[in-house]
Amino acid sequence: MKLLELGSLASEPHMEHDLASRVGDIFERCPALQGFSIQDASGLPKHLQAAALEGLVVTDIGIYPELEPALTERVYDEIAVGLLDFICSRPDARAVLTGRTFVRHLH
């Protein structure tokens, strides 16, 4: 992570807590979801850029056990809606999300 990005996180101390809470809610609603990544859409092939949320793309979605296609699509929708809500509520959220991977915590 670049120093500039770290500075933006420090300016909004509750942003990481809010993001962790929202991602935790996504994992709670989707028990089969094991993890996912967020990438900047500009570095991806054109066919993946079409699915961008505010210039970001959800990638590397890990689901176990495997679900039927309709349920897999629902998991993607849960991720997309949760993150889009986060992006809309915080103007600098895009910088915090880009390049991040989120995984389920096992206790």
PDB file of N, CA and C in Angstrom:
ATOM      1  N   MET A   1       0.852  -1.169   0.000  1.00  0.00           N
ATOM      2  CA  MET A   1       0.000   0.000   0.000  1.00  0.00           C
ATOM      3  C   MET A   1       0.894   1.227   0.000  1.00  0.00           C
ATOM      4  N   LYS A   2       0.576   2.211  -0.797  1.00  0.00           N
ATOM      5  CA  LYS A   2       1.365   3.428  -0.894  1.00  0.00           C
ATOM      6  C   LYS A   2       1.141   4.302   0.331  1.00  0.00           C
ATOM      7  N   LEU A   3       2.127   5.149   0.622  1.00  0.00           N
ATOM      8  CA  LEU A   3       2.005   6.052   1.757  1.00  0.00           C
ATOM      9  C   LEU A   3       0.812   6.977   1.629  1.00  0.00           C
ATOM     10  N   LEU A   4       0.535   7.431   0.427  1.00  0.00           N
ATOM     11  CA  LEU A   4      -0.605   8.312   0.199  1.00  0.00           C
ATOM     12  C   LEU A   4      -1.899   7.611   0.591  1.00  0.00           C
ATOM     13  N   GLU A   5      -2.020   6.347   0.250  1.00  0.00           N
ATOM     14  CA  GLU A   5      -3.205   5.589   0.620  1.00  0.00           C
ATOM     15  C   GLU A   5      -3.301   5.441   2.134  1.00  0.00           C
ATOM     16  N   LEU A   6      -2.179   5.230   2.796  1.00  0.00           N
ATOM     17  CA  LEU A   6      -2.191   5.130   4.245  1.00  0.00           C
ATOM     18  C   LEU A   6      -2.650   6.438   4.873  1.00  0.00           C
ATOM     19  N   GLY A   7      -2.229   7.537   4.300  1.00  0.00           N
ATOM     20  CA  GLY A   7      -2.651   8.838   4.801  1.00  0.00           C
ATOM     21  C   GLY A   7      -4.149   9.021   4.684  1.00  0.00           C
ATOM     22  N   SER A   8      -4.743   8.539   3.604  1.00  0.00           N
ATOM     23  CA  SER A   8      -6.189   8.682   3.442  1.00  0.00           C
ATOM     24  C   SER A   8      -6.942   7.816   4.445  1.00  0.00           C
ATOM     25  N   LEU A   9      -6.378   6.667   4.810  1.00  0.00           N
ATOM     26  CA  LEU A   9      -7.009   5.834   5.826  1.00  0.00           C
ATOM     27  C   LEU A   9      -6.963   6.515   7.190  1.00  0.00           C
ATOM     28  N   ALA A  10      -5.848   7.161   7.491  1.00  0.00           N
ATOM     29  CA  ALA A  10      -5.697   7.826   8.779  1.00  0.00           C
ATOM     30  C   ALA A  10      -6.644   9.010   8.906  1.00  0.00           C
ATOM     31  N   SER A  11      -6.990   9.642   7.788  1.00  0.00           N
ATOM     32  CA  SER A  11      -7.866  10.799   7.856  1.00  0.00           C
ATOM     33  C   SER A  11      -9.309  10.406   8.173  1.00  0.00           C
ATOM     34  N   GLU A  12      -9.670   9.169   7.991  1.00  0.00           N
ATOM     35  CA  GLU A  12     -11.023   8.681   8.265  1.00  0.00           C
ATOM     36  C   GLU A  12     -10.901   7.400   9.099  1.00  0.00           C
ATOM     37  N   PRO A  13     -10.713   7.536  10.421  1.00  0.00           N
ATOM     38  CA  PRO A  13     -10.417   6.358  11.237  1.00  0.00           C
ATOM     39  C   PRO A  13     -11.527   5.317  11.279  1.00  0.00           C
ATOM     40  N   HIS A  14     -12.746   5.705  11.041  1.00  0.00           N
ATOM     41  CA  HIS A  14     -13.842   4.746  11.117  1.00  0.00           C
ATOM     42  C   HIS A  14     -14.090   4.010   9.804  1.00  0.00           C
ATOM     43  N   MET A  15     -13.376   4.393   8.742  1.00  0.00           N
ATOM     44  CA  MET A  15     -13.618   3.774   7.445  1.00  0.00           C
ATOM     45  C   MET A  15     -13.306   2.283   7.463  1.00  0.00           C
ATOM     46  N   GLU A  16     -12.175   1.887   8.004  1.00  0.00           N
ATOM     47  CA  GLU A  16     -11.811   0.464   8.057  1.00  0.00           C
ATOM     48  C   GLU A  16     -12.806  -0.327   8.895  1.00  0.00           C
ATOM     49  N   HIS A  17     -13.252   0.256   9.994  1.00  0.00           N
ATOM     50  CA  HIS A  17     -14.247  -0.420  10.839  1.00  0.00           C
ATOM     51  C   HIS A  17     -15.562  -0.602  10.077  1.00  0.00           C
ATOM     52  N   ASP A  18     -15.990   0.454   9.370  1.00  0.00           N
ATOM     53  CA  ASP A  18     -17.215   0.386   8.575  1.00  0.00           C
ATOM     54  C   ASP A  18     -17.076  -0.672   7.477  1.00  0.00           C
ATOM     55  N   LEU A  19     -15.935  -0.681   6.799  1.00  0.00           N
ATOM     56  CA  LEU A  19     -15.700  -1.669   5.740  1.00  0.00           C
ATOM     57  C   LEU A  19     -15.709  -3.082   6.319  1.00  0.00           C
ATOM     58  N   ALA A  20     -15.038  -3.293   7.435  1.00  0.00           N
ATOM     59  CA  ALA A  20     -15.005  -4.618   8.056  1.00  0.00           C
ATOM     60  C   ALA A  20     -16.410  -5.076   8.437  1.00  0.00           C
ATOM     61  N   SER A  21     -17.212  -4.161   8.933  1.00  0.00           N
ATOM     62  CA  SER A  21     -18.585  -4.494   9.308  1.00  0.00           C
ATOM     63  C   SER A  21     -19.408  -4.884   8.084  1.00  0.00           C
ATOM     64  N   ARG A  22     -19.277  -4.126   7.008  1.00  0.00           N
ATOM     65  CA  ARG A  22     -20.039  -4.413   5.789  1.00  0.00           C
ATOM     66  C   ARG A  22     -19.608  -5.739   5.160  1.00  0.00           C
ATOM     67  N   VAL A  23     -18.301  -5.983   5.122  1.00  0.00           N
ATOM     68  CA  VAL A  23     -17.814  -7.241   4.559  1.00  0.00           C
ATOM     69  C   VAL A  23     -18.235  -8.408   5.453  1.00  0.00           C
ATOM     70  N   GLY A  24     -18.198  -8.206   6.760  1.00  0.00           N
ATOM     71  CA  GLY A  24     -18.668  -9.237   7.684  1.00  0.00           C
ATOM     72  C   GLY A  24     -20.126  -9.582   7.450  1.00  0.00           C
ATOM     73  N   ASP A  25     -20.943  -8.548   7.167  1.00  0.00           N
ATOM     74  CA  ASP A  25     -22.357  -8.785   6.859  1.00  0.00           C
ATOM     75  C   ASP A  25     -22.516  -9.605   5.581  1.00  0.00           C
ATOM     76  N   ILE A  26     -21.681  -9.325   4.585  1.00  0.00           N
ATOM     77  CA  ILE A  26     -21.740 -10.081   3.330  1.00  0.00           C
ATOM     78  C   ILE A  26     -21.434 -11.555   3.600  1.00  0.00           C
ATOM     79  N   PHE A  27     -20.365 -11.825   4.361  1.00  0.00           N
ATOM     80  CA  PHE A  27     -20.009 -13.210   4.680  1.00  0.00           C
ATOM     81  C   PHE A  27     -21.109 -13.892   5.496  1.00  0.00           C
ATOM     82  N   GLU A  28     -21.754 -13.141   6.367  1.00  0.00           N
ATOM     83  CA  GLU A  28     -22.835 -13.710   7.177  1.00  0.00           C
ATOM     84  C   GLU A  28     -24.034 -14.100   6.308  1.00  0.00           C
ATOM     85  N   ARG A  29     -24.359 -13.256   5.320  1.00  0.00           N
ATOM     86  CA  ARG A  29     -25.497 -13.548   4.445  1.00  0.00           C
ATOM     87  C   ARG A  29     -25.186 -14.646   3.435  1.00  0.00           C
ATOM     88  N   CYS A  30     -23.911 -14.907   3.209  1.00  0.00           N
ATOM     89  CA  CYS A  30     -23.495 -15.891   2.197  1.00  0.00           C
ATOM     90  C   CYS A  30     -22.569 -16.923   2.843  1.00  0.00           C
ATOM     91  N   PRO A  31     -23.119 -17.919   3.509  1.00  0.00           N
ATOM     92  CA  PRO A  31     -22.292 -18.885   4.243  1.00  0.00           C
ATOM     93  C   PRO A  31     -21.290 -19.654   3.385  1.00  0.00           C
ATOM     94  N   ALA A  32     -21.563 -19.834   2.112  1.00  0.00           N
ATOM     95  CA  ALA A  32     -20.630 -20.570   1.251  1.00  0.00           C
ATOM     96  C   ALA A  32     -19.494 -19.690   0.729  1.00  0.00           C
ATOM     97  N   LEU A  33     -19.613 -18.376   0.864  1.00  0.00           N
ATOM     98  CA  LEU A  33     -18.578 -17.457   0.378  1.00  0.00           C
ATOM     99  C   LEU A  33     -17.341 -17.587   1.252  1.00  0.00           C
ATOM    100  N   GLN A  34     -16.200 -17.865   0.617  1.00  0.00           N
ATOM    101  CA  GLN A  34     -14.936 -18.005   1.348  1.00  0.00           C
ATOM    102  C   GLN A  34     -14.035 -16.787   1.186  1.00  0.00           C
ATOM    103  N   GLY A  35     -14.173 -16.059   0.079  1.00  0.00           N
ATOM    104  CA  GLY A  35     -13.347 -14.876  -0.137  1.00  0.00           C
ATOM    105  C   GLY A  35     -13.585 -14.268  -1.498  1.00  0.00           C
ATOM    106  N   PHE A  36     -13.076 -13.033  -1.661  1.00  0.00           N
ATOM    107  CA  PHE A  36     -13.167 -12.339  -2.943  1.00  0.00           C
ATOM    108  C   PHE A  36     -12.142 -11.215  -2.969  1.00  0.00           C
ATOM    109  N   SER A  37     -11.832 -10.754  -4.166  1.00  0.00           N
ATOM    110  CA  SER A  37     -10.886  -9.650  -4.359  1.00  0.00           C
ATOM    111  C   SER A  37     -11.559  -8.521  -5.108  1.00  0.00           C
ATOM    112  N   ILE A  38     -10.981  -7.329  -4.969  1.00  0.00           N
ATOM    113  CA  ILE A  38     -11.449  -6.139  -5.678  1.00  0.00           C
ATOM    114  C   ILE A  38     -10.283  -5.605  -6.494  1.00  0.00           C
ATOM    115  N   GLN A  39     -10.500  -5.401  -7.788  1.00  0.00           N
ATOM    116  CA  GLN A  39      -9.451  -4.882  -8.664  1.00  0.00           C
ATOM    117  C   GLN A  39      -9.942  -3.662  -9.411  1.00  0.00           C
ATOM    118  N   ASP A  40      -9.003  -2.830  -9.801  1.00  0.00           N
ATOM    119  CA  ASP A  40      -9.295  -1.692 -10.664  1.00  0.00           C
ATOM    120  C   ASP A  40      -9.648  -2.246 -12.040  1.00  0.00           C
ATOM    121  N   ALA A  41     -10.767  -1.828 -12.576  1.00  0.00           N
ATOM    122  CA  ALA A  41     -11.257  -2.371 -13.849  1.00  0.00           C
ATOM    123  C   ALA A  41     -10.367  -1.994 -15.032  1.00  0.00           C
ATOM    124  N   SER A  42      -9.640  -0.906 -14.940  1.00  0.00           N
ATOM    125  CA  SER A  42      -8.858  -0.452 -16.092  1.00  0.00           C
ATOM    126  C   SER A  42      -7.761  -1.425 -16.494  1.00  0.00           C
ATOM    127  N   GLY A  43      -7.289  -2.259 -15.579  1.00  0.00           N
ATOM    128  CA  GLY A  43      -6.238  -3.210 -15.899  1.00  0.00           C
ATOM    129  C   GLY A  43      -6.735  -4.567 -16.345  1.00  0.00           C
ATOM    130  N   LEU A  44      -8.040  -4.705 -16.492  1.00  0.00           N
ATOM    131  CA  LEU A  44      -8.625  -5.997 -16.845  1.00  0.00           C
ATOM    132  C   LEU A  44      -9.103  -6.008 -18.295  1.00  0.00           C
ATOM    133  N   PRO A  45      -9.307  -7.205 -18.869  1.00  0.00           N
ATOM    134  CA  PRO A  45      -9.834  -7.287 -20.234  1.00  0.00           C
ATOM    135  C   PRO A  45     -11.186  -6.580 -20.350  1.00  0.00           C
ATOM    136  N   LYS A  46     -11.488  -6.113 -21.538  1.00  0.00           N
ATOM    137  CA  LYS A  46     -12.706  -5.328 -21.787  1.00  0.00           C
ATOM    138  C   LYS A  46     -13.984  -6.049 -21.342  1.00  0.00           C
ATOM    139  N   HIS A  47     -14.068  -7.364 -21.555  1.00  0.00           N
ATOM    140  CA  HIS A  47     -15.300  -8.068 -21.188  1.00  0.00           C
ATOM    141  C   HIS A  47     -15.528  -8.070 -19.676  1.00  0.00           C
ATOM    142  N   LEU A  48     -14.472  -7.937 -18.874  1.00  0.00           N
ATOM    143  CA  LEU A  48     -14.633  -7.849 -17.422  1.00  0.00           C
ATOM    144  C   LEU A  48     -14.905  -6.418 -16.964  1.00  0.00           C
ATOM    145  N   GLN A  49     -14.452  -5.447 -17.748  1.00  0.00           N
ATOM    146  CA  GLN A  49     -14.676  -4.047 -17.386  1.00  0.00           C
ATOM    147  C   GLN A  49     -16.154  -3.685 -17.421  1.00  0.00           C
ATOM    148  N   ALA A  50     -16.937  -4.409 -18.216  1.00  0.00           N
ATOM    149  CA  ALA A  50     -18.367  -4.131 -18.314  1.00  0.00           C
ATOM    150  C   ALA A  50     -19.087  -4.365 -16.986  1.00  0.00           C
ATOM    151  N   ALA A  51     -18.519  -5.199 -16.122  1.00  0.00           N
ATOM    152  CA  ALA A  51     -19.142  -5.507 -14.837  1.00  0.00           C
ATOM    153  C   ALA A  51     -18.640  -4.609 -13.708  1.00  0.00           C
ATOM    154  N   ALA A  52     -17.969  -3.512 -14.050  1.00  0.00           N
ATOM    155  CA  ALA A  52     -17.345  -2.650 -13.046  1.00  0.00           C
ATOM    156  C   ALA A  52     -18.373  -1.895 -12.208  1.00  0.00           C
ATOM    157  N   LEU A  53     -18.041  -1.744 -10.923  1.00  0.00           N
ATOM    158  CA  LEU A  53     -18.804  -0.927  -9.986  1.00  0.00           C
ATOM    159  C   LEU A  53     -17.945   0.291  -9.670  1.00  0.00           C
ATOM    160  N   GLU A  54     -18.307   1.426 -10.211  1.00  0.00           N
ATOM    161  CA  GLU A  54     -17.520   2.639  -9.952  1.00  0.00           C
ATOM    162  C   GLU A  54     -16.050   2.430 -10.300  1.00  0.00           C
ATOM    163  N   GLY A  55     -15.781   1.698 -11.392  1.00  0.00           N
ATOM    164  CA  GLY A  55     -14.407   1.464 -11.837  1.00  0.00           C
ATOM    165  C   GLY A  55     -13.717   0.292 -11.159  1.00  0.00           C
ATOM    166  N   LEU A  56     -14.428  -0.432 -10.318  1.00  0.00           N
ATOM    167  CA  LEU A  56     -13.864  -1.593  -9.626  1.00  0.00           C
ATOM    168  C   LEU A  56     -14.596  -2.858 -10.044  1.00  0.00           C
ATOM    169  N   VAL A  57     -13.882  -3.986 -10.002  1.00  0.00           N
ATOM    170  CA  VAL A  57     -14.467  -5.268 -10.379  1.00  0.00           C
ATOM    171  C   VAL A  57     -14.236  -6.272  -9.246  1.00  0.00           C
ATOM    172  N   VAL A  58     -15.273  -7.018  -8.912  1.00  0.00           N
ATOM    173  CA  VAL A  58     -15.160  -8.104  -7.942  1.00  0.00           C
ATOM    174  C   VAL A  58     -14.600  -9.310  -8.697  1.00  0.00           C
ATOM    175  N   THR A  59     -13.485  -9.856  -8.208  1.00  0.00           N
ATOM    176  CA  THR A  59     -12.839 -10.991  -8.873  1.00  0.00           C
ATOM    177  C   THR A  59     -12.525 -12.082  -7.856  1.00  0.00           C
ATOM    178  N   ASP A  60     -12.083 -13.204  -8.362  1.00  0.00           N
ATOM    179  CA  ASP A  60     -11.591 -14.306  -7.534  1.00  0.00           C
ATOM    180  C   ASP A  60     -12.548 -14.672  -6.407  1.00  0.00           C
ATOM    181  N   ILE A  61     -13.800 -14.830  -6.742  1.00  0.00           N
ATOM    182  CA  ILE A  61     -14.794 -15.199  -5.739  1.00  0.00           C
ATOM    183  C   ILE A  61     -14.627 -16.684  -5.422  1.00  0.00           C
ATOM    184  N   GLY A  62     -14.367 -16.964  -4.153  1.00  0.00           N
ATOM    185  CA  GLY A  62     -14.219 -18.338  -3.706  1.00  0.00           C
ATOM    186  C   GLY A  62     -15.472 -18.794  -2.983  1.00  0.00           C
ATOM    187  N   ILE A  63     -16.080 -19.867  -3.470  1.00  0.00           N
ATOM    188  CA  ILE A  63     -17.301 -20.395  -2.878  1.00  0.00           C
ATOM    189  C   ILE A  63     -17.101 -21.889  -2.615  1.00  0.00           C
ATOM    190  N   TYR A  64     -17.387 -22.287  -1.383  1.00  0.00           N
ATOM    191  CA  TYR A  64     -17.319 -23.701  -1.032  1.00  0.00           C
ATOM    192  C   TYR A  64     -18.370 -23.999   0.023  1.00  0.00           C
ATOM    193  N   PRO A  65     -19.156 -24.999  -0.131  1.00  0.00           N
ATOM    194  CA  PRO A  65     -19.201 -25.910  -1.268  1.00  0.00           C
ATOM    195  C   PRO A  65     -19.766 -25.209  -2.503  1.00  0.00           C
ATOM    196  N   GLU A  66     -19.502 -25.818  -3.635  1.00  0.00           N
ATOM    197  CA  GLU A  66     -19.963 -25.265  -4.903  1.00  0.00           C
ATOM    198  C   GLU A  66     -21.489 -25.134  -4.907  1.00  0.00           C
ATOM    199  N   LEU A  67     -21.954 -24.008  -5.432  1.00  0.00           N
ATOM    200  CA  LEU A  67     -23.386 -23.746  -5.495  1.00  0.00           C
ATOM    201  C   LEU A  67     -23.872 -23.814  -6.933  1.00  0.00           C
ATOM    202  N   GLU A  68     -25.170 -23.967  -7.088  1.00  0.00           N
ATOM    203  CA  GLU A  68     -25.742 -23.924  -8.436  1.00  0.00           C
ATOM    204  C   GLU A  68     -25.579 -22.496  -8.978  1.00  0.00           C
ATOM    205  N   PRO A  69     -25.578 -22.334 -10.300  1.00  0.00           N
ATOM    206  CA  PRO A  69     -25.319 -21.026 -10.906  1.00  0.00           C
ATOM    207  C   PRO A  69     -26.201 -19.887 -10.384  1.00  0.00           C
ATOM    208  N   ALA A  70     -27.469 -20.126 -10.152  1.00  0.00           N
ATOM    209  CA  ALA A  70     -28.355 -19.056  -9.673  1.00  0.00           C
ATOM    210  C   ALA A  70     -27.939 -18.568  -8.287  1.00  0.00           C
ATOM    211  N   LEU A  71     -27.511 -19.486  -7.426  1.00  0.00           N
ATOM    212  CA  LEU A  71     -27.061 -19.098  -6.086  1.00  0.00           C
ATOM    213  C   LEU A  71     -25.700 -18.411  -6.132  1.00  0.00           C
ATOM    214  N   THR A  72     -24.851 -18.847  -7.053  1.00  0.00           N
ATOM    215  CA  THR A  72     -23.559 -18.188  -7.230  1.00  0.00           C
ATOM    216  C   THR A  72     -23.775 -16.749  -7.668  1.00  0.00           C
ATOM    217  N   GLU A  73     -24.706 -16.520  -8.564  1.00  0.00           N
ATOM    218  CA  GLU A  73     -25.040 -15.162  -9.013  1.00  0.00           C
ATOM    219  C   GLU A  73     -25.573 -14.325  -7.853  1.00  0.00           C
ATOM    220  N   ARG A  74     -26.329 -14.936  -6.986  1.00  0.00           N
ATOM    221  CA  ARG A  74     -26.857 -14.223  -5.815  1.00  0.00           C
ATOM    222  C   ARG A  74     -25.733 -13.796  -4.872  1.00  0.00           C
ATOM    223  N   VAL A  75     -24.724 -14.654  -4.709  1.00  0.00           N
ATOM    224  CA  VAL A  75     -23.567 -14.300  -3.883  1.00  0.00           C
ATOM    225  C   VAL A  75     -22.864 -13.085  -4.490  1.00  0.00           C
ATOM    226  N   TYR A  76     -22.641 -13.115  -5.808  1.00  0.00           N
ATOM    227  CA  TYR A  76     -22.019 -11.967  -6.469  1.00  0.00           C
ATOM    228  C   TYR A  76     -22.848 -10.709  -6.229  1.00  0.00           C
ATOM    229  N   ASP A  77     -24.152 -10.807  -6.357  1.00  0.00           N
ATOM    230  CA  ASP A  77     -25.025  -9.648  -6.148  1.00  0.00           C
ATOM    231  C   ASP A  77     -24.911  -9.112  -4.723  1.00  0.00           C
ATOM    232  N   GLU A  78     -24.816  -9.998  -3.746  1.00  0.00           N
ATOM    233  CA  GLU A  78     -24.661  -9.570  -2.351  1.00  0.00           C
ATOM    234  C   GLU A  78     -23.367  -8.772  -2.178  1.00  0.00           C
ATOM    235  N   ILE A  79     -22.285  -9.263  -2.780  1.00  0.00           N
ATOM    236  CA  ILE A  79     -21.001  -8.556  -2.705  1.00  0.00           C
ATOM    237  C   ILE A  79     -21.122  -7.196  -3.383  1.00  0.00           C
ATOM    238  N   ALA A  80     -21.663  -7.189  -4.595  1.00  0.00           N
ATOM    239  CA  ALA A  80     -21.752  -5.953  -5.376  1.00  0.00           C
ATOM    240  C   ALA A  80     -22.605  -4.900  -4.674  1.00  0.00           C
ATOM    241  N   VAL A  81     -23.761  -5.284  -4.179  1.00  0.00           N
ATOM    242  CA  VAL A  81     -24.652  -4.324  -3.516  1.00  0.00           C
ATOM    243  C   VAL A  81     -24.011  -3.801  -2.229  1.00  0.00           C
ATOM    244  N   GLY A  82     -23.413  -4.688  -1.457  1.00  0.00           N
ATOM    245  CA  GLY A  82     -22.767  -4.263  -0.216  1.00  0.00           C
ATOM    246  C   GLY A  82     -21.630  -3.287  -0.451  1.00  0.00           C
ATOM    247  N   LEU A  83     -20.807  -3.570  -1.447  1.00  0.00           N
ATOM    248  CA  LEU A  83     -19.680  -2.686  -1.726  1.00  0.00           C
ATOM    249  C   LEU A  83     -20.113  -1.399  -2.413  1.00  0.00           C
ATOM    250  N   LEU A  84     -21.114  -1.465  -3.260  1.00  0.00           N
ATOM    251  CA  LEU A  84     -21.613  -0.252  -3.905  1.00  0.00           C
ATOM    252  C   LEU A  84     -22.198   0.701  -2.873  1.00  0.00           C
ATOM    253  N   ASP A  85     -22.898   0.161  -1.893  1.00  0.00           N
ATOM    254  CA  ASP A  85     -23.422   0.987  -0.809  1.00  0.00           C
ATOM    255  C   ASP A  85     -22.274   1.651  -0.045  1.00  0.00           C
ATOM    256  N   PHE A  86     -21.204   0.908   0.200  1.00  0.00           N
ATOM    257  CA  PHE A  86     -20.037   1.463   0.883  1.00  0.00           C
ATOM    258  C   PHE A  86     -19.408   2.579   0.049  1.00  0.00           C
ATOM    259  N   ILE A  87     -19.255   2.351  -1.252  1.00  0.00           N
ATOM    260  CA  ILE A  87     -18.652   3.349  -2.144  1.00  0.00           C
ATOM    261  C   ILE A  87     -19.505   4.614  -2.191  1.00  0.00           C
ATOM    262  N   CYS A  88     -20.816   4.457  -2.264  1.00  0.00           N
ATOM    263  CA  CYS A  88     -21.709   5.619  -2.341  1.00  0.00           C
ATOM    264  C   CYS A  88     -21.718   6.427  -1.039  1.00  0.00           C
ATOM    265  N   SER A  89     -21.514   5.767   0.080  1.00  0.00           N
ATOM    266  CA  SER A  89     -21.565   6.470   1.358  1.00  0.00           C
ATOM    267  C   SER A  89     -20.239   7.145   1.715  1.00  0.00           C
ATOM    268  N   ARG A  90     -19.157   6.784   1.041  1.00  0.00           N
ATOM    269  CA  ARG A  90     -17.833   7.341   1.352  1.00  0.00           C
ATOM    270  C   ARG A  90     -17.113   7.686   0.056  1.00  0.00           C
ATOM    271  N   PRO A  91     -16.889   8.957  -0.192  1.00  0.00           N
ATOM    272  CA  PRO A  91     -16.294   9.383  -1.463  1.00  0.00           C
ATOM    273  C   PRO A  91     -14.907   8.805  -1.733  1.00  0.00           C
ATOM    274  N   ASP A  92     -14.116   8.531  -0.702  1.00  0.00           N
ATOM    275  CA  ASP A  92     -12.762   8.014  -0.913  1.00  0.00           C
ATOM    276  C   ASP A  92     -12.672   6.493  -0.755  1.00  0.00           C
ATOM    277  N   ALA A  93     -13.795   5.817  -0.775  1.00  0.00           N
ATOM    278  CA  ALA A  93     -13.823   4.366  -0.574  1.00  0.00           C
ATOM    279  C   ALA A  93     -13.112   3.609  -1.688  1.00  0.00           C
ATOM    280  N   ARG A  94     -13.157   4.116  -2.887  1.00  0.00           N
ATOM    281  CA  ARG A  94     -12.539   3.421  -4.022  1.00  0.00           C
ATOM    282  C   ARG A  94     -11.059   3.149  -3.757  1.00  0.00           C
ATOM    283  N   ALA A  95     -10.355   4.128  -3.211  1.00  0.00           N
ATOM    284  CA  ALA A  95      -8.932   3.965  -2.930  1.00  0.00           C
ATOM    285  C   ALA A  95      -8.691   2.911  -1.853  1.00  0.00           C
ATOM    286  N   VAL A  96      -9.608   2.769  -0.932  1.00  0.00           N
ATOM    287  CA  VAL A  96      -9.468   1.798   0.153  1.00  0.00           C
ATOM    288  C   VAL A  96      -9.746   0.381  -0.337  1.00  0.00           C
ATOM    289  N   LEU A  97     -10.614   0.242  -1.330  1.00  0.00           N
ATOM    290  CA  LEU A  97     -11.005  -1.078  -1.821  1.00  0.00           C
ATOM    291  C   LEU A  97     -10.062  -1.657  -2.871  1.00  0.00           C
ATOM    292  N   THR A  98      -9.487  -0.810  -3.699  1.00  0.00           N
ATOM    293  CA  THR A  98      -8.688  -1.265  -4.839  1.00  0.00           C
ATOM    294  C   THR A  98      -7.535  -2.167  -4.393  1.00  0.00           C
ATOM    295  N   GLY A  99      -7.478  -3.350  -4.989  1.00  0.00           N
ATOM    296  CA  GLY A  99      -6.394  -4.278  -4.722  1.00  0.00           C
ATOM    297  C   GLY A  99      -6.542  -5.096  -3.448  1.00  0.00           C
ATOM    298  N   ARG A 100      -7.683  -5.028  -2.796  1.00  0.00           N
ATOM    299  CA  ARG A 100      -7.882  -5.738  -1.536  1.00  0.00           C
ATOM    300  C   ARG A 100      -8.489  -7.115  -1.773  1.00  0.00           C
ATOM    301  N   THR A 101      -8.149  -8.038  -0.889  1.00  0.00           N
ATOM    302  CA  THR A 101      -8.748  -9.365  -0.861  1.00  0.00           C
ATOM    303  C   THR A 101      -9.370  -9.554   0.514  1.00  0.00           C
ATOM    304  N   PHE A 102     -10.583 -10.082   0.528  1.00  0.00           N
ATOM    305  CA  PHE A 102     -11.307 -10.306   1.776  1.00  0.00           C
ATOM    306  C   PHE A 102     -11.562 -11.797   1.905  1.00  0.00           C
ATOM    307  N   VAL A 103     -11.286 -12.342   3.077  1.00  0.00           N
ATOM    308  CA  VAL A 103     -11.481 -13.775   3.304  1.00  0.00           C
ATOM    309  C   VAL A 103     -12.277 -13.996   4.579  1.00  0.00           C
ATOM    310  N   ARG A 104     -12.985 -15.104   4.594  1.00  0.00           N
ATOM    311  CA  ARG A 104     -13.760 -15.485   5.775  1.00  0.00           C
ATOM    312  C   ARG A 104     -12.793 -15.853   6.895  1.00  0.00           C
ATOM    313  N   HIS A 105     -13.107 -15.397   8.089  1.00  0.00           N
ATOM    314  CA  HIS A 105     -12.304 -15.748   9.264  1.00  0.00           C
ATOM    315  C   HIS A 105     -12.928 -16.978   9.913  1.00  0.00           C
ATOM    316  N   LEU A 106     -12.118 -17.978  10.129  1.00  0.00           N
ATOM    317  CA  LEU A 106     -12.581 -19.181  10.801  1.00  0.00           C
ATOM    318  C   LEU A 106     -12.097 -19.129  12.256  1.00  0.00           C
ATOM    319  N   HIS A 107     -12.975 -19.450  13.163  1.00  0.00           N
ATOM    320  CA  HIS A 107     -12.618 -19.411  14.582  1.00  0.00           C
ATOM    321  C   HIS A 107     -12.655 -20.795  15.160  1.00  0.00           C
TER     322      HIS A 107
END
